[in-house]
Amino acid sequence: MLFANLPAPSEEAVAAVRARDAQLTKPPGALGRLEEIVEWLAAWQGVAEPAIARPLVAVYAGNHGVVAQGVSAFPASVTVQMVQNFMSGGAAINQICKAHDIGLKVYELALERPTQDFTLAPAMDEREAAATFAYGFEAIEGGVDLLAPGEMGIGNTTSAAAIYAALYGGPASRWTGRGTGVDEEGLARKNAAIDAALALHGPHLSDPLEILRRLGGREIAAMMGAITAARLNNVPVVLDGYVVCAAAALLHAMTPDAVAHCVAGHVSPEGGHREVLARMGKKPLLDLGMRLGEGSGAGLAIAIVKTALACHRDMATFESAGVSGKDA
C-alpha cells in the first residue's frame, strides 16, 4: 500500500532549528509563525539546515464534462486559452513566480477530451484515474525542494464541491461558490448537477478513490499524485486554494498523515474552503480574498516561506553581533 510507510518528520532537524533560533538576535517567538515555518521545512526536508533552491508551482489543466450542465460562466475552450496564456507569461501566476524567483511548469491533461459528465456517468474509469495519479509524480523531478500544486480547468470548482459534499456530507449548496462568476441561475444549475451526481453515485462514495474517479477531474488526480510523490521524497508542499485542497482532502480521507507535510498557503472565499482547511487541521498563511486558482495563493505563500528561511539562515546570533542576550 502506497501510504503504509510514509516518511516521518525529522525531530532531530526540528531540534537543530530551534537551537539556532534561540541564538538569533530577537526575543524568543518574536517572529511568530515564521519560526514555525522553518521548523516545518526542516522536519519534512529532513535536514538541520533547510534550503529552498528549486521551488516550483506545478499547474495542472483539465477539462470537465459537467460543463455541459451550464455550471460555468465560461466555455471549456477557455482552459486551452489560459494554458497558452501561462505559456506566454501573461497570467497572474507568471507574475507571482517571476517576482519571487519560483519555477513554473504547466501540465496539459488531454484538454481535447473532457472527462465524462458526472451527472450521467463516472468522470473517469479506474485505469485513467490511476494513470493520471501516477503522472502527477513527475512534478518533483529535477531536484524540486518545495512544491505548490496549482490548477486550471473550467468546471473544476463544481468537481471540487462535489468531492467535498461526498466526503463531508451534502447538500451541494453547503460547499459551492460562484467559481468563474456564475449568476443565481448558474449557481442553481451547479448545485443541481452536484446533487444529481451524489444521487447517481451515492452507493460508491465511501471510498475516496471512487469519489475521485466518479466526481473528480484529471487535474485533481494528478495533484493527488504530486502531493504523494512529494511526501515520499521529502519535499514539503504548499497547498493552494479550493480545488487543490480537494486533492488534499481526498488524500486526507485515505489517511490523515498523507498530507502532514502540507501547509495551507491561503484560504479562499470560494465555497466551503475555510471549513475544508479546518477539517484537515490546516491554518492558512494568507487570507487575501483570492479565488483565482493557478497556484496563485500558494505562490504568494512561498514568498513568505522564503522570507522565514532567510531570517532563520541569515540573521546574526547574539554572539556574532555582540548583542547582549536575555540573561546577560
Protein backbone atom coordinates (compact mmCIF):
# COMPACT_ATOMS: atom_id res chain seq x y z
CA MET A 1 0.00 0.00 0.00
CA LEU A 2 1.42 3.36 -1.09
CA PHE A 3 0.59 5.07 2.20
CA ALA A 4 1.74 2.31 4.54
CA ASN A 5 5.30 3.55 5.13
CA LEU A 6 5.28 7.30 4.61
CA PRO A 7 8.43 9.15 5.70
CA ALA A 8 8.11 10.77 9.12
CA PRO A 9 9.20 14.29 10.02
CA SER A 10 12.70 14.63 11.44
CA GLU A 11 12.61 15.52 15.13
CA GLU A 12 16.39 15.98 15.08
CA ALA A 13 16.14 18.59 12.34
CA VAL A 14 13.46 20.49 14.23
CA ALA A 15 15.59 20.43 17.39
CA ALA A 16 18.54 21.87 15.47
CA VAL A 17 16.38 24.66 14.03
CA ARG A 18 15.07 25.53 17.49
CA ALA A 19 18.59 25.57 18.91
CA ARG A 20 19.73 28.08 16.27
CA ASP A 21 16.55 30.12 16.62
CA ALA A 22 17.26 30.55 20.33
CA GLN A 23 20.55 32.27 19.46
CA LEU A 24 19.19 34.75 16.92
CA THR A 25 19.02 38.46 17.71
CA LYS A 26 15.36 38.60 18.68
CA PRO A 27 13.18 37.68 21.64
CA PRO A 28 12.03 34.03 21.66
CA GLY A 29 8.95 33.57 19.48
CA ALA A 30 9.07 37.15 18.19
CA LEU A 31 8.75 36.07 14.55
CA GLY A 32 5.63 34.05 15.29
CA ARG A 33 4.61 31.68 12.51
CA LEU A 34 7.76 32.45 10.55
CA GLU A 35 9.63 30.38 13.14
CA GLU A 36 7.12 27.53 12.79
CA ILE A 37 7.53 27.61 9.00
CA VAL A 38 11.26 26.96 9.24
CA GLU A 39 10.66 24.08 11.65
CA TRP A 40 8.16 22.65 9.16
CA LEU A 41 10.66 22.93 6.31
CA ALA A 42 13.38 21.24 8.32
CA ALA A 43 11.09 18.49 9.56
CA TRP A 44 9.94 17.44 6.10
CA GLN A 45 13.17 18.03 4.20
CA GLY A 46 14.82 16.04 6.99
CA VAL A 47 17.80 18.37 7.39
CA ALA A 48 19.02 20.71 10.12
CA GLU A 49 19.68 23.46 7.57
CA PRO A 50 16.66 23.54 5.24
CA ALA A 51 17.00 25.18 1.83
CA ILE A 52 14.80 26.45 -0.95
CA ALA A 53 16.81 26.25 -4.15
CA ARG A 54 14.20 24.83 -6.54
CA PRO A 55 10.69 25.88 -5.53
CA LEU A 56 8.04 25.01 -8.12
CA VAL A 57 4.44 25.86 -8.87
CA ALA A 58 3.07 22.97 -10.95
CA VAL A 59 -0.17 23.92 -12.69
CA TYR A 60 -2.37 21.08 -13.95
CA ALA A 61 -5.01 21.85 -16.56
CA GLY A 62 -8.03 19.62 -17.21
CA ASN A 63 -11.46 19.87 -18.80
CA HIS A 64 -14.71 18.60 -17.30
CA GLY A 65 -17.72 17.07 -18.99
CA VAL A 66 -20.06 18.50 -16.37
CA VAL A 67 -19.63 21.89 -18.04
CA ALA A 68 -22.43 20.69 -20.35
CA GLN A 69 -24.81 21.25 -17.44
CA GLY A 70 -24.25 25.03 -17.55
CA VAL A 71 -22.23 25.17 -14.34
CA SER A 72 -19.66 27.74 -15.53
CA ALA A 73 -19.79 31.30 -16.83
CA PHE A 74 -17.10 30.39 -19.40
CA PRO A 75 -16.86 27.65 -22.04
CA ALA A 76 -14.37 24.79 -21.79
CA SER A 77 -12.30 26.35 -24.59
CA VAL A 78 -11.05 28.90 -22.04
CA THR A 79 -8.95 26.17 -20.40
CA VAL A 80 -6.88 25.81 -23.59
CA GLN A 81 -6.66 29.58 -23.99
CA MET A 82 -5.46 30.03 -20.41
CA VAL A 83 -2.80 27.36 -20.87
CA GLN A 84 -1.49 29.40 -23.79
CA ASN A 85 -1.59 32.46 -21.55
CA PHE A 86 0.55 30.63 -18.98
CA MET A 87 2.98 29.59 -21.69
CA SER A 88 3.32 33.15 -22.98
CA GLY A 89 3.80 34.58 -19.49
CA GLY A 90 0.59 36.57 -19.29
CA ALA A 91 -1.23 35.09 -16.29
CA ALA A 92 -1.17 36.19 -12.68
CA ILE A 93 0.83 33.14 -11.63
CA ASN A 94 3.56 34.07 -14.11
CA GLN A 95 3.98 37.43 -12.42
CA ILE A 96 3.97 35.93 -8.93
CA CYS A 97 6.58 33.33 -9.84
CA LYS A 98 8.75 35.90 -11.62
CA ALA A 99 8.58 38.33 -8.70
CA HIS A 100 9.65 35.71 -6.17
CA ASP A 101 12.03 33.53 -8.23
CA ILE A 102 9.77 30.47 -8.29
CA GLY A 103 9.78 27.89 -11.07
CA LEU A 104 6.59 27.27 -13.04
CA LYS A 105 5.53 24.22 -15.04
CA VAL A 106 2.19 23.69 -16.77
CA TYR A 107 0.81 20.21 -17.45
CA GLU A 108 -1.97 19.78 -20.02
CA LEU A 109 -4.17 16.77 -19.30
CA ALA A 110 -5.96 15.69 -22.51
CA LEU A 111 -7.78 19.01 -22.85
CA GLU A 112 -9.30 17.92 -26.15
CA ARG A 113 -11.08 15.10 -24.32
CA PRO A 114 -13.04 16.29 -21.26
CA THR A 115 -13.92 13.86 -18.52
CA GLN A 116 -17.38 12.34 -18.66
CA ASP A 117 -20.31 14.38 -17.39
CA PHE A 118 -20.54 13.04 -13.84
CA THR A 119 -24.28 13.62 -13.68
CA LEU A 120 -24.58 10.78 -16.21
CA ALA A 121 -21.55 8.52 -15.63
CA PRO A 122 -18.29 8.30 -13.68
CA ALA A 123 -15.95 11.12 -14.69
CA MET A 124 -13.08 8.67 -15.28
CA ASP A 125 -12.58 4.94 -15.44
CA GLU A 126 -10.23 3.26 -12.98
CA ARG A 127 -7.32 2.99 -15.39
CA GLU A 128 -7.44 6.66 -16.37
CA ALA A 129 -7.70 7.84 -12.78
CA ALA A 130 -4.76 5.66 -11.73
CA ALA A 131 -2.61 6.68 -14.70
CA THR A 132 -3.26 10.37 -14.09
CA PHE A 133 -2.45 9.99 -10.39
CA ALA A 134 0.86 8.40 -11.41
CA TYR A 135 1.55 11.15 -13.93
CA GLY A 136 1.47 13.65 -11.07
CA PHE A 137 4.69 12.13 -9.71
CA GLU A 138 6.63 13.99 -12.42
CA ALA A 139 6.17 17.27 -10.54
CA ILE A 140 9.13 16.70 -8.23
CA GLU A 141 11.64 15.77 -10.93
CA GLY A 142 14.77 17.88 -11.28
CA GLY A 143 15.52 18.44 -7.61
CA VAL A 144 12.40 20.34 -6.60
CA ASP A 145 12.64 21.10 -2.87
CA LEU A 146 9.33 22.95 -2.29
CA LEU A 147 6.18 22.19 -4.29
CA ALA A 148 2.98 24.15 -4.81
CA PRO A 149 0.38 22.35 -6.94
CA GLY A 150 -1.98 24.59 -8.88
CA GLU A 151 -4.77 24.05 -11.37
CA MET A 152 -6.78 25.43 -14.26
CA GLY A 153 -9.97 23.92 -15.60
CA ILE A 154 -13.35 25.32 -16.48
CA GLY A 155 -15.87 23.41 -14.35
CA ASN A 156 -13.39 22.29 -11.72
CA THR A 157 -14.96 24.16 -8.80
CA THR A 158 -18.05 22.06 -9.50
CA SER A 159 -15.93 18.92 -9.30
CA ALA A 160 -14.25 20.10 -6.09
CA ALA A 161 -17.59 20.95 -4.47
CA ALA A 162 -18.93 17.51 -5.41
CA ILE A 163 -15.88 15.91 -3.78
CA TYR A 164 -16.40 17.91 -0.59
CA ALA A 165 -20.10 17.01 -0.50
CA ALA A 166 -19.24 13.33 -0.95
CA LEU A 167 -16.56 13.42 1.75
CA TYR A 168 -18.29 15.57 4.33
CA GLY A 169 -22.00 15.45 3.52
CA GLY A 170 -24.34 17.48 1.38
CA PRO A 171 -26.29 19.25 0.15
CA ALA A 172 -24.21 20.76 -2.63
CA SER A 173 -25.08 24.31 -1.59
CA ARG A 174 -23.04 23.84 1.60
CA TRP A 175 -19.86 23.65 -0.47
CA THR A 176 -20.39 25.53 -3.72
CA GLY A 177 -19.34 29.02 -4.64
CA ARG A 178 -19.69 31.08 -7.79
CA GLY A 179 -16.49 29.78 -9.37
CA THR A 180 -15.94 31.72 -12.58
CA GLY A 181 -18.69 34.14 -11.58
CA VAL A 182 -21.95 32.36 -12.34
CA ASP A 183 -25.22 34.19 -11.67
CA GLU A 184 -28.01 32.88 -9.46
CA GLU A 185 -29.35 30.62 -12.21
CA GLY A 186 -25.87 29.27 -12.88
CA LEU A 187 -25.32 28.59 -9.21
CA ALA A 188 -28.63 26.74 -9.08
CA ARG A 189 -27.56 24.60 -12.05
CA LYS A 190 -24.25 23.91 -10.33
CA ASN A 191 -25.96 22.77 -7.13
CA ALA A 192 -28.45 20.66 -9.09
CA ALA A 193 -25.68 18.95 -11.05
CA ILE A 194 -23.79 18.05 -7.89
CA ASP A 195 -26.90 16.79 -6.10
CA ALA A 196 -27.76 14.67 -9.15
CA ALA A 197 -24.25 13.22 -9.16
CA LEU A 198 -24.41 12.41 -5.47
CA ALA A 199 -27.67 10.58 -6.02
CA LEU A 200 -26.30 8.67 -9.02
CA HIS A 201 -23.01 7.63 -7.45
CA GLY A 202 -24.10 7.50 -3.82
CA PRO A 203 -23.61 3.77 -3.21
CA HIS A 204 -19.94 4.06 -4.25
CA LEU A 205 -18.86 7.18 -2.37
CA SER A 206 -17.49 5.61 0.80
CA ASP A 207 -14.10 5.08 -0.89
CA PRO A 208 -12.04 8.25 -1.57
CA LEU A 209 -10.58 6.75 -4.73
CA GLU A 210 -14.07 6.06 -6.03
CA ILE A 211 -15.00 9.65 -5.22
CA LEU A 212 -12.01 10.77 -7.26
CA ARG A 213 -12.84 8.78 -10.37
CA ARG A 214 -16.58 9.38 -10.24
CA LEU A 215 -16.65 13.08 -9.33
CA GLY A 216 -13.10 14.32 -9.83
CA GLY A 217 -11.05 15.59 -12.73
CA ARG A 218 -7.71 14.76 -14.23
CA GLU A 219 -6.07 17.79 -12.61
CA ILE A 220 -7.30 16.64 -9.19
CA ALA A 221 -5.97 13.12 -9.76
CA ALA A 222 -2.60 14.48 -10.92
CA MET A 223 -2.34 16.81 -7.92
CA MET A 224 -3.01 13.87 -5.60
CA GLY A 225 -0.09 12.12 -7.23
CA ALA A 226 2.13 15.19 -6.97
CA ILE A 227 1.39 15.65 -3.27
CA THR A 228 2.06 11.96 -2.63
CA ALA A 229 5.31 11.98 -4.60
CA ALA A 230 6.46 14.99 -2.63
CA ARG A 231 5.84 13.17 0.64
CA LEU A 232 7.71 10.09 -0.48
CA ASN A 233 10.70 12.23 -1.48
CA ASN A 234 10.90 14.62 1.50
CA VAL A 235 9.55 17.62 -0.37
CA PRO A 236 7.29 19.96 1.65
CA VAL A 237 4.11 21.13 -0.09
CA VAL A 238 2.31 24.48 -0.04
CA LEU A 239 -1.38 23.96 -0.84
CA ASP A 240 -3.25 26.48 -2.96
CA GLY A 241 -6.96 27.08 -2.71
CA TYR A 242 -10.36 25.50 -3.20
CA VAL A 243 -9.64 23.00 -5.99
CA VAL A 244 -6.14 22.00 -4.90
CA CYS A 245 -7.50 21.25 -1.45
CA ALA A 246 -10.00 18.81 -2.99
CA ALA A 247 -6.99 16.68 -3.94
CA ALA A 248 -5.54 17.08 -0.44
CA ALA A 249 -8.89 16.29 1.18
CA LEU A 250 -9.15 13.00 -0.71
CA LEU A 251 -5.66 12.03 0.46
CA HIS A 252 -6.55 13.11 4.00
CA ALA A 253 -9.64 10.91 3.86
CA MET A 254 -7.48 7.94 2.88
CA THR A 255 -5.10 8.61 5.77
CA PRO A 256 -4.74 11.93 7.59
CA ASP A 257 -0.96 11.51 7.69
CA ALA A 258 -0.81 11.69 3.89
CA VAL A 259 -0.96 15.50 3.99
CA ALA A 260 1.04 16.09 7.18
CA HIS A 261 3.85 17.58 5.05
CA CYS A 262 1.50 20.19 3.59
CA VAL A 263 0.89 23.74 4.77
CA ALA A 264 -2.11 25.77 3.60
CA GLY A 265 -0.86 28.70 1.56
CA HIS A 266 -4.08 30.68 1.80
CA VAL A 267 -7.80 30.47 2.38
CA SER A 268 -10.18 31.27 -0.47
CA PRO A 269 -13.66 32.77 -0.14
CA GLU A 270 -14.86 30.17 -2.65
CA GLY A 271 -17.47 27.78 -1.28
CA GLY A 272 -16.56 25.91 1.88
CA HIS A 273 -12.77 26.23 1.62
CA ARG A 274 -12.34 27.55 5.15
CA GLU A 275 -14.23 24.57 6.59
CA VAL A 276 -12.22 22.15 4.46
CA LEU A 277 -8.98 23.55 5.87
CA ALA A 278 -10.34 23.24 9.40
CA ARG A 279 -11.26 19.61 8.78
CA MET A 280 -7.71 18.91 7.64
CA GLY A 281 -6.25 20.82 10.59
CA LYS A 282 -4.60 23.44 8.37
CA LYS A 283 -4.26 27.10 9.33
CA PRO A 284 -3.69 29.24 6.22
CA LEU A 285 -0.69 31.51 5.95
CA LEU A 286 -2.61 34.15 3.98
CA ASP A 287 -6.21 35.38 3.82
CA LEU A 288 -6.35 37.85 0.93
CA GLY A 289 -9.76 37.06 -0.53
CA MET A 290 -8.16 35.36 -3.54
CA ARG A 291 -10.06 32.78 -5.58
CA LEU A 292 -8.17 32.69 -8.86
CA GLY A 293 -6.56 29.27 -8.69
CA GLU A 294 -3.45 28.77 -10.86
CA GLY A 295 -1.41 28.21 -7.69
CA SER A 296 -1.52 31.96 -7.13
CA GLY A 297 -2.20 31.92 -3.39
CA ALA A 298 0.41 29.21 -2.84
CA GLY A 299 2.93 31.17 -4.91
CA LEU A 300 2.49 34.19 -2.68
CA ALA A 301 2.80 31.95 0.37
CA ILE A 302 6.12 30.63 -0.96
CA ALA A 303 7.38 34.21 -0.73
CA ILE A 304 6.53 34.11 2.98
CA VAL A 305 8.25 30.74 3.35
CA LYS A 306 11.38 32.04 1.64
CA THR A 307 11.36 35.09 3.91
CA ALA A 308 11.06 32.91 7.00
CA LEU A 309 14.01 30.83 5.88
CA ALA A 310 16.12 33.90 5.07
CA CYS A 311 15.56 35.28 8.56
CA HIS A 312 16.50 31.99 10.17
CA ARG A 313 19.55 31.42 7.99
CA ASP A 314 20.99 34.94 7.72
CA MET A 315 20.14 36.77 10.94
CA ALA A 316 23.06 37.33 13.29
CA THR A 317 23.28 35.49 16.57
CA PHE A 318 23.68 37.35 19.84
CA GLU A 319 27.31 36.24 19.91
CA SER A 320 28.21 37.17 16.34
CA ALA A 321 26.53 40.56 16.60
CA GLY A 322 27.90 41.37 20.02
CA VAL A 323 24.38 41.84 21.37
CA SER A 324 23.67 41.02 24.99
CA GLY A 325 21.36 38.08 25.49
CA LYS A 326 18.39 37.90 27.83
CA ASP A 327 20.45 36.65 30.76
CA ALA A 328 23.45 38.91 30.23
